[in-house]
């Protein structure tokens, strides 16, 4: 099984879109800037808030 991490600019919007497409939010979350989700088959993937490296 592969695990995917996707960088997103707006974490909450990306989570909402993923859920609308069939994903579910995992019960356990690792970090405040990362959301662990499960695809419809139960495979985990992460949405990670894109960090502005210039700041």
PDB file of N, CA and C in Angstrom:
ATOM      1  N   UNK A   1       0.842  -1.165   0.000  1.00  0.00           N
ATOM      2  CA  UNK A   1       0.000   0.000   0.000  1.00  0.00           C
ATOM      3  C   UNK A   1       0.894   1.238   0.000  1.00  0.00           C
ATOM      4  N   UNK A   2       0.530   2.216  -0.779  1.00  0.00           N
ATOM      5  CA  UNK A   2       1.243   3.492  -0.812  1.00  0.00           C
ATOM      6  C   UNK A   2       0.484   4.509   0.012  1.00  0.00           C
ATOM      7  N   UNK A   3       1.221   5.459   0.552  1.00  0.00           N
ATOM      8  CA  UNK A   3       0.602   6.554   1.298  1.00  0.00           C
ATOM      9  C   UNK A   3       0.916   7.847   0.567  1.00  0.00           C
ATOM     10  N   UNK A   4      -0.102   8.665   0.363  1.00  0.00           N
ATOM     11  CA  UNK A   4       0.077   9.927  -0.343  1.00  0.00           C
ATOM     12  C   UNK A   4      -0.118  11.093   0.603  1.00  0.00           C
ATOM     13  N   UNK A   5       0.736  12.112   0.448  1.00  0.00           N
ATOM     14  CA  UNK A   5       0.597  13.392   1.128  1.00  0.00           C
ATOM     15  C   UNK A   5       0.380  14.439   0.044  1.00  0.00           C
ATOM     16  N   UNK A   6      -0.649  15.252   0.211  1.00  0.00           N
ATOM     17  CA  UNK A   6      -0.953  16.308  -0.753  1.00  0.00           C
ATOM     18  C   UNK A   6      -0.841  17.654  -0.065  1.00  0.00           C
ATOM     19  N   UNK A   7      -0.056  18.565  -0.643  1.00  0.00           N
ATOM     20  CA  UNK A   7       0.029  19.917  -0.111  1.00  0.00           C
ATOM     21  C   UNK A   7      -1.151  20.717  -0.628  1.00  0.00           C
ATOM     22  N   UNK A   8      -1.777  21.479   0.271  1.00  0.00           N
ATOM     23  CA  UNK A   8      -2.935  22.288  -0.099  1.00  0.00           C
ATOM     24  C   UNK A   8      -2.760  23.697   0.470  1.00  0.00           C
ATOM     25  N   UNK A   9      -3.356  24.664  -0.181  1.00  0.00           N
ATOM     26  CA  UNK A   9      -3.276  26.046   0.281  1.00  0.00           C
ATOM     27  C   UNK A   9      -4.277  26.380   1.357  1.00  0.00           C
ATOM     28  N   UNK A  10      -5.425  25.700   1.355  1.00  0.00           N
ATOM     29  CA  UNK A  10      -6.486  25.929   2.342  1.00  0.00           C
ATOM     30  C   UNK A  10      -6.909  24.562   2.872  1.00  0.00           C
ATOM     31  N   UNK A  11      -6.453  24.242   4.054  1.00  0.00           N
ATOM     32  CA  UNK A  11      -6.640  22.901   4.606  1.00  0.00           C
ATOM     33  C   UNK A  11      -8.110  22.553   4.797  1.00  0.00           C
ATOM     34  N   UNK A  12      -8.864  23.425   5.424  1.00  0.00           N
ATOM     35  CA  UNK A  12     -10.270  23.100   5.707  1.00  0.00           C
ATOM     36  C   UNK A  12     -11.097  22.961   4.432  1.00  0.00           C
ATOM     37  N   UNK A  13     -10.821  23.790   3.438  1.00  0.00           N
ATOM     38  CA  UNK A  13     -11.523  23.684   2.160  1.00  0.00           C
ATOM     39  C   UNK A  13     -11.172  22.372   1.452  1.00  0.00           C
ATOM     40  N   UNK A  14      -9.913  21.997   1.497  1.00  0.00           N
ATOM     41  CA  UNK A  14      -9.475  20.746   0.867  1.00  0.00           C
ATOM     42  C   UNK A  14     -10.090  19.535   1.563  1.00  0.00           C
ATOM     43  N   UNK A  15     -10.192  19.587   2.887  1.00  0.00           N
ATOM     44  CA  UNK A  15     -10.830  18.497   3.637  1.00  0.00           C
ATOM     45  C   UNK A  15     -12.300  18.399   3.223  1.00  0.00           C
ATOM     46  N   UNK A  16     -12.973  19.531   3.164  1.00  0.00           N
ATOM     47  CA  UNK A  16     -14.391  19.534   2.785  1.00  0.00           C
ATOM     48  C   UNK A  16     -14.582  18.958   1.380  1.00  0.00           C
ATOM     49  N   UNK A  17     -13.703  19.306   0.462  1.00  0.00           N
ATOM     50  CA  UNK A  17     -13.813  18.782  -0.902  1.00  0.00           C
ATOM     51  C   UNK A  17     -13.570  17.279  -0.936  1.00  0.00           C
ATOM     52  N   UNK A  18     -12.561  16.812  -0.196  1.00  0.00           N
ATOM     53  CA  UNK A  18     -12.262  15.378  -0.151  1.00  0.00           C
ATOM     54  C   UNK A  18     -13.431  14.598   0.443  1.00  0.00           C
ATOM     55  N   UNK A  19     -14.029  15.133   1.501  1.00  0.00           N
ATOM     56  CA  UNK A  19     -15.179  14.472   2.128  1.00  0.00           C
ATOM     57  C   UNK A  19     -16.361  14.433   1.153  1.00  0.00           C
ATOM     58  N   UNK A  20     -16.571  15.521   0.423  1.00  0.00           N
ATOM     59  CA  UNK A  20     -17.649  15.554  -0.569  1.00  0.00           C
ATOM     60  C   UNK A  20     -17.445  14.514  -1.664  1.00  0.00           C
ATOM     61  N   UNK A  21     -16.174  14.166  -1.912  1.00  0.00           N
ATOM     62  CA  UNK A  21     -15.852  13.170  -2.939  1.00  0.00           C
ATOM     63  C   UNK A  21     -15.820  11.741  -2.400  1.00  0.00           C
ATOM     64  N   UNK A  22     -16.102  11.555  -1.099  1.00  0.00           N
ATOM     65  CA  UNK A  22     -16.203  10.203  -0.554  1.00  0.00           C
ATOM     66  C   UNK A  22     -15.207   9.839   0.524  1.00  0.00           C
ATOM     67  N   UNK A  23     -14.264  10.719   0.826  1.00  0.00           N
ATOM     68  CA  UNK A  23     -13.292  10.437   1.896  1.00  0.00           C
ATOM     69  C   UNK A  23     -13.943  10.659   3.258  1.00  0.00           C
ATOM     70  N   UNK A  24     -13.307  10.145   4.288  1.00  0.00           N
ATOM     71  CA  UNK A  24     -13.750  10.425   5.655  1.00  0.00           C
ATOM     72  C   UNK A  24     -12.532  10.854   6.464  1.00  0.00           C
ATOM     73  N   UNK A  25     -12.775  11.688   7.458  1.00  0.00           N
ATOM     74  CA  UNK A  25     -11.696  12.183   8.311  1.00  0.00           C
ATOM     75  C   UNK A  25     -11.378  11.106   9.343  1.00  0.00           C
ATOM     76  N   UNK A  26     -10.097  10.770   9.465  1.00  0.00           N
ATOM     77  CA  UNK A  26      -9.680   9.761  10.437  1.00  0.00           C
ATOM     78  C   UNK A  26      -9.889  10.286  11.853  1.00  0.00           C
ATOM     79  N   UNK A  27     -10.153   9.375  12.774  1.00  0.00           N
ATOM     80  CA  UNK A  27     -10.375   9.757  14.162  1.00  0.00           C
ATOM     81  C   UNK A  27      -9.111  10.360  14.771  1.00  0.00           C
ATOM     82  N   UNK A  28      -7.959   9.770  14.490  1.00  0.00           N
ATOM     83  CA  UNK A  28      -6.697  10.236  15.064  1.00  0.00           C
ATOM     84  C   UNK A  28      -6.014  11.202  14.103  1.00  0.00           C
ATOM     85  N   UNK A  29      -5.635  12.362  14.604  1.00  0.00           N
ATOM     86  CA  UNK A  29      -4.938  13.364  13.814  1.00  0.00           C
ATOM     87  C   UNK A  29      -3.564  13.618  14.425  1.00  0.00           C
ATOM     88  N   UNK A  30      -2.536  13.668  13.584  1.00  0.00           N
ATOM     89  CA  UNK A  30      -1.157  13.772  14.050  1.00  0.00           C
ATOM     90  C   UNK A  30      -0.722  15.187  14.403  1.00  0.00           C
ATOM     91  N   UNK A  31      -1.055  16.154  13.569  1.00  0.00           N
ATOM     92  CA  UNK A  31      -0.569  17.520  13.713  1.00  0.00           C
ATOM     93  C   UNK A  31      -1.670  18.505  13.342  1.00  0.00           C
ATOM     94  N   UNK A  32      -1.594  19.732  13.856  1.00  0.00           N
ATOM     95  CA  UNK A  32      -2.636  20.708  13.522  1.00  0.00           C
ATOM     96  C   UNK A  32      -2.618  21.170  12.066  1.00  0.00           C
ATOM     97  N   UNK A  33      -1.489  21.044  11.369  1.00  0.00           N
ATOM     98  CA  UNK A  33      -1.413  21.489   9.976  1.00  0.00           C
ATOM     99  C   UNK A  33      -1.539  20.334   8.978  1.00  0.00           C
ATOM    100  N   UNK A  34      -1.953  19.159   9.462  1.00  0.00           N
ATOM    101  CA  UNK A  34      -2.128  17.969   8.615  1.00  0.00           C
ATOM    102  C   UNK A  34      -3.458  17.314   8.980  1.00  0.00           C
ATOM    103  N   UNK A  35      -4.199  16.874   7.963  1.00  0.00           N
ATOM    104  CA  UNK A  35      -5.415  16.110   8.212  1.00  0.00           C
ATOM    105  C   UNK A  35      -5.244  14.733   7.581  1.00  0.00           C
ATOM    106  N   UNK A  36      -5.447  13.712   8.389  1.00  0.00           N
ATOM    107  CA  UNK A  36      -5.419  12.337   7.899  1.00  0.00           C
ATOM    108  C   UNK A  36      -6.838  11.984   7.489  1.00  0.00           C
ATOM    109  N   UNK A  37      -6.991  11.505   6.272  1.00  0.00           N
ATOM    110  CA  UNK A  37      -8.286  11.088   5.756  1.00  0.00           C
ATOM    111  C   UNK A  37      -8.186   9.650   5.277  1.00  0.00           C
ATOM    112  N   UNK A  38      -9.338   9.048   5.069  1.00  0.00           N
ATOM    113  CA  UNK A  38      -9.419   7.682   4.561  1.00  0.00           C
ATOM    114  C   UNK A  38     -10.228   7.703   3.269  1.00  0.00           C
ATOM    115  N   UNK A  39      -9.709   7.038   2.253  1.00  0.00           N
ATOM    116  CA  UNK A  39     -10.492   6.941   1.022  1.00  0.00           C
ATOM    117  C   UNK A  39     -11.638   5.947   1.251  1.00  0.00           C
ATOM    118  N   UNK A  40     -12.578   5.827   0.307  1.00  0.00           N
ATOM    119  CA  UNK A  40     -13.717   4.935   0.522  1.00  0.00           C
ATOM    120  C   UNK A  40     -13.351   3.481   0.836  1.00  0.00           C
ATOM    121  N   UNK A  41     -12.164   3.037   0.418  1.00  0.00           N
ATOM    122  CA  UNK A  41     -11.718   1.669   0.707  1.00  0.00           C
ATOM    123  C   UNK A  41     -10.995   1.577   2.052  1.00  0.00           C
ATOM    124  N   UNK A  42     -10.802   2.734   2.723  1.00  0.00           N
ATOM    125  CA  UNK A  42     -10.155   2.731   4.032  1.00  0.00           C
ATOM    126  C   UNK A  42      -8.664   3.000   4.022  1.00  0.00           C
ATOM    127  N   UNK A  43      -8.102   3.338   2.861  1.00  0.00           N
ATOM    128  CA  UNK A  43      -6.674   3.639   2.773  1.00  0.00           C
ATOM    129  C   UNK A  43      -6.418   5.076   3.221  1.00  0.00           C
ATOM    130  N   UNK A  44      -5.425   5.286   4.088  1.00  0.00           N
ATOM    131  CA  UNK A  44      -5.157   6.644   4.576  1.00  0.00           C
ATOM    132  C   UNK A  44      -4.370   7.481   3.568  1.00  0.00           C
ATOM    133  N   UNK A  45      -4.636   8.789   3.615  1.00  0.00           N
ATOM    134  CA  UNK A  45      -3.835   9.778   2.892  1.00  0.00           C
ATOM    135  C   UNK A  45      -3.889  11.069   3.694  1.00  0.00           C
ATOM    136  N   UNK A  46      -2.939  11.949   3.451  1.00  0.00           N
ATOM    137  CA  UNK A  46      -2.866  13.179   4.236  1.00  0.00           C
ATOM    138  C   UNK A  46      -2.988  14.409   3.352  1.00  0.00           C
ATOM    139  N   UNK A  47      -3.667  15.406   3.888  1.00  0.00           N
ATOM    140  CA  UNK A  47      -3.691  16.733   3.298  1.00  0.00           C
ATOM    141  C   UNK A  47      -2.850  17.604   4.224  1.00  0.00           C
ATOM    142  N   UNK A  48      -1.837  18.250   3.676  1.00  0.00           N
ATOM    143  CA  UNK A  48      -0.871  19.027   4.463  1.00  0.00           C
ATOM    144  C   UNK A  48      -0.948  20.483   4.054  1.00  0.00           C
ATOM    145  N   UNK A  49      -1.060  21.367   5.034  1.00  0.00           N
ATOM    146  CA  UNK A  49      -1.111  22.799   4.746  1.00  0.00           C
ATOM    147  C   UNK A  49       0.217  23.228   4.154  1.00  0.00           C
ATOM    148  N   UNK A  50       0.145  23.875   3.006  1.00  0.00           N
ATOM    149  CA  UNK A  50       1.333  24.359   2.331  1.00  0.00           C
ATOM    150  C   UNK A  50       1.981  25.452   3.179  1.00  0.00           C
ATOM    151  N   UNK A  51       3.282  25.319   3.391  1.00  0.00           N
ATOM    152  CA  UNK A  51       4.016  26.275   4.223  1.00  0.00           C
ATOM    153  C   UNK A  51       4.655  27.331   3.341  1.00  0.00           C
ATOM    154  N   UNK A  52       4.461  28.573   3.718  1.00  0.00           N
ATOM    155  CA  UNK A  52       5.084  29.689   3.004  1.00  0.00           C
ATOM    156  C   UNK A  52       6.522  29.791   3.481  1.00  0.00           C
ATOM    157  N   UNK A  53       7.479  29.369   2.647  1.00  0.00           N
ATOM    158  CA  UNK A  53       8.892  29.331   3.043  1.00  0.00           C
ATOM    159  C   UNK A  53       9.521  30.712   3.109  1.00  0.00           C
ATOM    160  N   UNK A  54       8.847  31.749   2.592  1.00  0.00           N
ATOM    161  CA  UNK A  54       9.396  33.100   2.634  1.00  0.00           C
ATOM    162  C   UNK A  54       9.172  33.750   3.993  1.00  0.00           C
ATOM    163  N   UNK A  55       8.271  33.214   4.799  1.00  0.00           N
ATOM    164  CA  UNK A  55       7.965  33.810   6.105  1.00  0.00           C
ATOM    165  C   UNK A  55       8.998  33.428   7.135  1.00  0.00           C
TER     166      UNK A  55
END
